[in-house]
Amino acid sequence: NDEVSCEICLKHVCYFSNQLEIEEYVLQLLASWACQHFFYVIGSERIPPGPYFLSNRGIFSPCRRFSDNSESFVLSTTSSQEDPQAYQTLNAATFGASSFRLAIPSRIKSSKAGHTPLAGLRVAVKDLFHLKGVHTGCRNRGYRRLHGPVNASSDAVQRVIDLEGVIVGKAKTVEFGGSQQVISDWYDYFDPTNVRGDGCLAGIGSSIGSASSLAACRWLDITLGMDGKL
């Protein structure tokens, strides 16, 4: 159940083991995959299971880009290559549409890791939370232009990062988390699409982007929202 990995990834396999000999079942499995290149690494070092690509800068995890068809997101994010605790905005537009694309990592890491409960899971963050390296807009274009990228994540977001969740984007909210009606008072951004029913229902509440994205995107695992009355 992985949208990123594909059969071509099985043509080149890197296998880590402490054993000097390769088990027979491993060879049989590689043969069933029609593996063309097999790299056997002996030692204690490991990388999480999943698809990778290799360049002269190192080993990287691939992502698949999905369109934000429900227009639930205000921006797409990807991990920073310089700071493992930080993110950066990903500018990737959808051809022929007003929405953009989000970079989604493989699910294999989350299904195999097991050492942290959120390892590899895809998470969307409401745009009232800070995410290190990314602007916090609070659904207001003027506020976003006035303030630069933040240098620290909110406690709730940092907790997700510490548990190895992957932040894939920031979800829309109402302005500064207020009590506006989405359709009547939405000004700076288009309102998200509510995919339930006939797809024409109106959403309500400051966490509308978090709710609509989770309802619309099968590739999304978790969203962060909040109740402004607490």
Protein backbone atom coordinates (compact mmCIF):
# COMPACT_ATOMS: atom_id res chain seq x y z
CA ASN A 1 0.00 0.00 0.00
CA ASP A 2 2.58 2.54 -1.14
CA GLU A 3 2.08 5.22 -3.78
CA VAL A 4 5.77 6.11 -4.13
CA SER A 5 7.59 2.81 -4.57
CA CYS A 6 7.18 0.99 -7.89
CA GLU A 7 8.51 -2.08 -9.70
CA ILE A 8 11.47 -0.22 -11.19
CA CYS A 9 12.79 0.32 -7.64
CA LEU A 10 13.22 -3.44 -7.31
CA LYS A 11 15.71 -3.58 -10.19
CA HIS A 12 18.46 -2.21 -7.92
CA VAL A 13 18.52 -3.49 -4.33
CA CYS A 14 20.85 -2.67 -1.43
CA TYR A 15 20.76 -5.24 1.38
CA PHE A 16 22.24 -4.63 4.86
CA SER A 17 23.24 -7.56 7.05
CA ASN A 18 25.67 -8.64 9.78
CA GLN A 19 25.99 -12.07 8.14
CA LEU A 20 28.83 -13.01 5.80
CA GLU A 21 26.56 -15.23 3.72
CA ILE A 22 23.33 -14.35 1.93
CA GLU A 23 20.32 -16.38 2.97
CA GLU A 24 18.73 -18.52 0.26
CA TYR A 25 15.30 -16.93 0.64
CA VAL A 26 16.85 -13.52 -0.10
CA LEU A 27 18.24 -14.79 -3.41
CA GLN A 28 14.89 -16.33 -4.30
CA LEU A 29 13.08 -13.09 -3.54
CA LEU A 30 15.53 -11.08 -5.66
CA ALA A 31 15.02 -13.49 -8.54
CA SER A 32 11.24 -13.11 -8.31
CA TRP A 33 11.72 -9.31 -8.53
CA ALA A 34 13.95 -9.66 -11.61
CA CYS A 35 16.62 -7.70 -9.74
CA GLN A 36 19.44 -6.52 -12.02
CA HIS A 37 21.89 -5.02 -9.50
CA PHE A 38 22.34 -6.27 -5.93
CA PHE A 39 24.52 -4.51 -3.35
CA TYR A 40 25.33 -6.47 -0.19
CA VAL A 41 26.54 -4.34 2.72
CA ILE A 42 28.05 -6.08 5.74
CA GLY A 43 28.08 -4.14 9.01
CA SER A 44 25.93 -2.58 11.71
CA GLU A 45 24.96 0.60 9.86
CA ARG A 46 21.42 0.76 8.54
CA ILE A 47 19.11 3.07 6.64
CA PRO A 48 15.31 2.82 6.97
CA PRO A 49 13.68 0.46 4.44
CA GLY A 50 12.14 2.02 1.37
CA PRO A 51 12.94 3.40 -2.10
CA TYR A 52 15.98 5.67 -2.55
CA PHE A 53 17.93 7.35 -5.31
CA LEU A 54 21.65 8.03 -5.36
CA SER A 55 23.42 11.17 -6.58
CA ASN A 56 26.84 12.74 -6.10
CA ARG A 57 25.39 14.56 -3.05
CA GLY A 58 24.31 11.40 -1.25
CA ILE A 59 21.34 9.06 -0.81
CA PHE A 60 17.87 10.61 -0.87
CA SER A 61 14.31 9.41 -0.37
CA PRO A 62 12.05 10.06 -3.37
CA CYS A 63 8.63 11.67 -3.10
CA ARG A 64 5.59 11.55 -5.34
CA ARG A 65 3.77 14.77 -6.10
CA PHE A 66 0.00 14.91 -5.56
CA SER A 67 -2.28 17.78 -6.55
CA ASP A 68 -4.21 19.64 -3.87
CA ASN A 69 -7.54 19.15 -5.65
CA SER A 70 -9.57 20.20 -2.61
CA GLU A 71 -7.54 23.43 -2.26
CA SER A 72 -7.08 22.68 1.44
CA PHE A 73 -3.44 23.79 1.64
CA VAL A 74 -1.87 27.22 1.67
CA LEU A 75 1.61 25.88 0.88
CA SER A 76 3.55 22.66 0.35
CA THR A 77 6.63 21.81 2.42
CA THR A 78 9.62 19.51 2.18
CA SER A 79 12.43 18.68 4.59
CA SER A 80 15.47 20.95 4.62
CA GLN A 81 18.70 19.33 3.42
CA GLU A 82 20.75 21.52 5.77
CA ASP A 83 18.77 21.17 9.02
CA PRO A 84 16.89 17.96 9.93
CA GLN A 85 14.62 19.96 12.27
CA ALA A 86 13.61 22.49 9.59
CA TYR A 87 11.45 22.58 6.46
CA GLN A 88 11.24 24.73 3.36
CA THR A 89 8.45 25.75 1.02
CA LEU A 90 8.10 23.63 -2.12
CA ASN A 91 6.99 25.56 -5.19
CA ALA A 92 5.40 22.98 -7.49
CA ALA A 93 2.32 24.00 -9.47
CA THR A 94 -0.31 21.70 -10.94
CA PHE A 95 -0.44 22.01 -14.73
CA GLY A 96 -3.70 23.51 -15.94
CA ALA A 97 -5.06 24.20 -12.44
CA SER A 98 -4.88 26.87 -9.74
CA SER A 99 -3.74 24.42 -7.07
CA PHE A 100 -0.22 23.23 -6.38
CA ARG A 101 1.36 19.86 -5.65
CA LEU A 102 2.60 18.33 -2.43
CA ALA A 103 5.63 16.04 -2.12
CA ILE A 104 4.55 12.80 -0.44
CA PRO A 105 7.14 10.31 0.93
CA SER A 106 6.92 6.53 0.85
CA ARG A 107 4.80 4.69 3.43
CA ILE A 108 7.29 1.82 3.67
CA LYS A 109 9.29 3.52 6.41
CA SER A 110 6.22 3.92 8.62
CA SER A 111 5.14 0.30 8.10
CA LYS A 112 8.55 -1.18 8.88
CA ALA A 113 10.24 1.17 11.37
CA GLY A 114 8.24 0.61 14.55
CA HIS A 115 10.60 2.49 16.87
CA THR A 116 8.51 5.69 16.92
CA PRO A 117 4.72 5.83 16.52
CA LEU A 118 4.74 8.53 13.80
CA ALA A 119 7.77 7.36 11.80
CA GLY A 120 7.21 8.20 8.14
CA LEU A 121 3.57 9.24 8.56
CA ARG A 122 2.39 12.19 6.44
CA VAL A 123 1.20 15.16 8.47
CA ALA A 124 -0.49 18.45 7.53
CA VAL A 125 -0.16 21.41 9.92
CA LYS A 126 -2.73 24.16 10.39
CA ASP A 127 -1.29 27.53 9.32
CA LEU A 128 -1.52 28.92 12.84
CA PHE A 129 1.28 26.62 14.01
CA HIS A 130 4.91 27.59 13.48
CA LEU A 131 7.08 25.30 11.34
CA LYS A 132 10.80 26.06 11.42
CA GLY A 133 12.03 27.47 8.11
CA VAL A 134 8.53 28.26 6.80
CA HIS A 135 6.27 31.32 6.98
CA THR A 136 3.28 31.35 9.31
CA GLY A 137 0.55 33.20 7.43
CA CYS A 138 -2.55 32.85 9.65
CA ARG A 139 -4.59 33.09 6.41
CA ASN A 140 -3.59 36.72 5.95
CA ARG A 141 -1.40 37.68 2.98
CA GLY A 142 -0.32 40.95 4.60
CA TYR A 143 0.82 39.16 7.75
CA ARG A 144 2.70 36.58 5.68
CA ARG A 145 4.55 39.29 3.76
CA LEU A 146 5.39 41.18 6.95
CA HIS A 147 7.02 38.24 8.73
CA GLY A 148 9.81 36.01 7.46
CA PRO A 149 10.22 32.26 7.96
CA VAL A 150 10.14 31.31 11.63
CA ASN A 151 13.26 29.97 13.35
CA ALA A 152 11.53 27.49 15.67
CA SER A 153 8.54 25.16 15.43
CA SER A 154 5.55 25.23 17.78
CA ASP A 155 5.72 22.66 20.57
CA ALA A 156 3.02 20.46 19.02
CA VAL A 157 4.74 20.50 15.62
CA GLN A 158 8.16 19.86 17.15
CA ARG A 159 6.72 16.86 18.94
CA VAL A 160 5.56 15.44 15.60
CA ILE A 161 9.03 16.03 14.11
CA ASP A 162 10.72 14.38 17.11
CA LEU A 163 8.51 11.33 16.55
CA GLU A 164 9.64 11.27 12.89
CA GLY A 165 6.39 12.41 11.31
CA VAL A 166 6.82 14.12 7.93
CA ILE A 167 5.22 17.55 7.49
CA VAL A 168 3.92 17.73 3.91
CA GLY A 169 2.18 21.11 3.98
CA LYS A 170 0.33 23.82 5.90
CA ALA A 171 -3.47 23.67 5.85
CA LYS A 172 -5.73 26.69 5.41
CA THR A 173 -7.49 28.34 8.32
CA VAL A 174 -9.75 31.35 8.83
CA GLU A 175 -8.00 34.65 9.47
CA PHE A 176 -5.97 34.40 12.71
CA GLY A 177 -8.15 31.48 13.81
CA GLY A 178 -11.22 33.69 14.26
CA SER A 179 -14.90 32.81 14.01
CA GLN A 180 -15.52 33.85 10.42
CA GLN A 181 -17.87 32.02 8.11
CA VAL A 182 -15.71 30.57 5.39
CA ILE A 183 -17.84 31.50 2.38
CA SER A 184 -18.95 35.00 3.43
CA ASP A 185 -15.72 36.27 5.01
CA TRP A 186 -13.04 34.38 3.07
CA TYR A 187 -11.02 37.00 1.26
CA ASP A 188 -7.28 36.30 0.91
CA TYR A 189 -7.62 32.64 -0.15
CA PHE A 190 -10.26 30.46 -1.78
CA ASP A 191 -12.12 28.23 0.64
CA PRO A 192 -11.35 24.48 0.65
CA THR A 193 -13.74 22.06 -1.00
CA ASN A 194 -15.82 19.86 1.27
CA VAL A 195 -15.72 16.50 -0.52
CA ARG A 196 -18.53 14.94 1.52
CA GLY A 197 -21.98 14.60 0.00
CA ASP A 198 -22.24 16.29 -3.39
CA GLY A 199 -18.97 18.20 -2.94
CA CYS A 200 -20.79 21.54 -2.70
CA LEU A 201 -21.24 21.71 1.07
CA ALA A 202 -19.70 24.62 2.97
CA GLY A 203 -17.08 24.07 5.62
CA ILE A 204 -16.92 25.97 8.89
CA GLY A 205 -14.38 26.50 11.66
CA SER A 206 -10.78 27.62 11.84
CA SER A 207 -9.46 24.08 11.25
CA ILE A 208 -11.38 23.68 7.99
CA GLY A 209 -8.19 23.09 5.99
CA SER A 210 -7.06 20.34 8.36
CA ALA A 211 -10.48 18.66 8.17
CA SER A 212 -11.04 18.99 4.42
CA SER A 213 -7.53 17.79 3.54
CA LEU A 214 -7.88 14.65 5.65
CA ALA A 215 -11.27 13.92 4.08
CA ALA A 216 -10.07 14.52 0.52
CA CYS A 217 -6.52 13.12 0.47
CA ARG A 218 -6.11 9.36 0.82
CA TRP A 219 -2.35 9.83 0.92
CA LEU A 220 -2.55 11.96 4.10
CA ASP A 221 -2.34 10.28 7.52
CA ILE A 222 -2.66 13.00 10.17
CA THR A 223 -3.58 16.68 10.40
CA LEU A 224 -3.02 19.14 13.24
CA GLY A 225 -5.81 21.51 14.20
CA MET A 226 -6.98 23.30 17.32
CA ASP A 227 -10.06 24.67 19.04
CA GLY A 228 -9.74 28.43 19.35
CA LYS A 229 -12.14 28.50 22.32
CA LEU A 230 -9.89 26.44 24.58
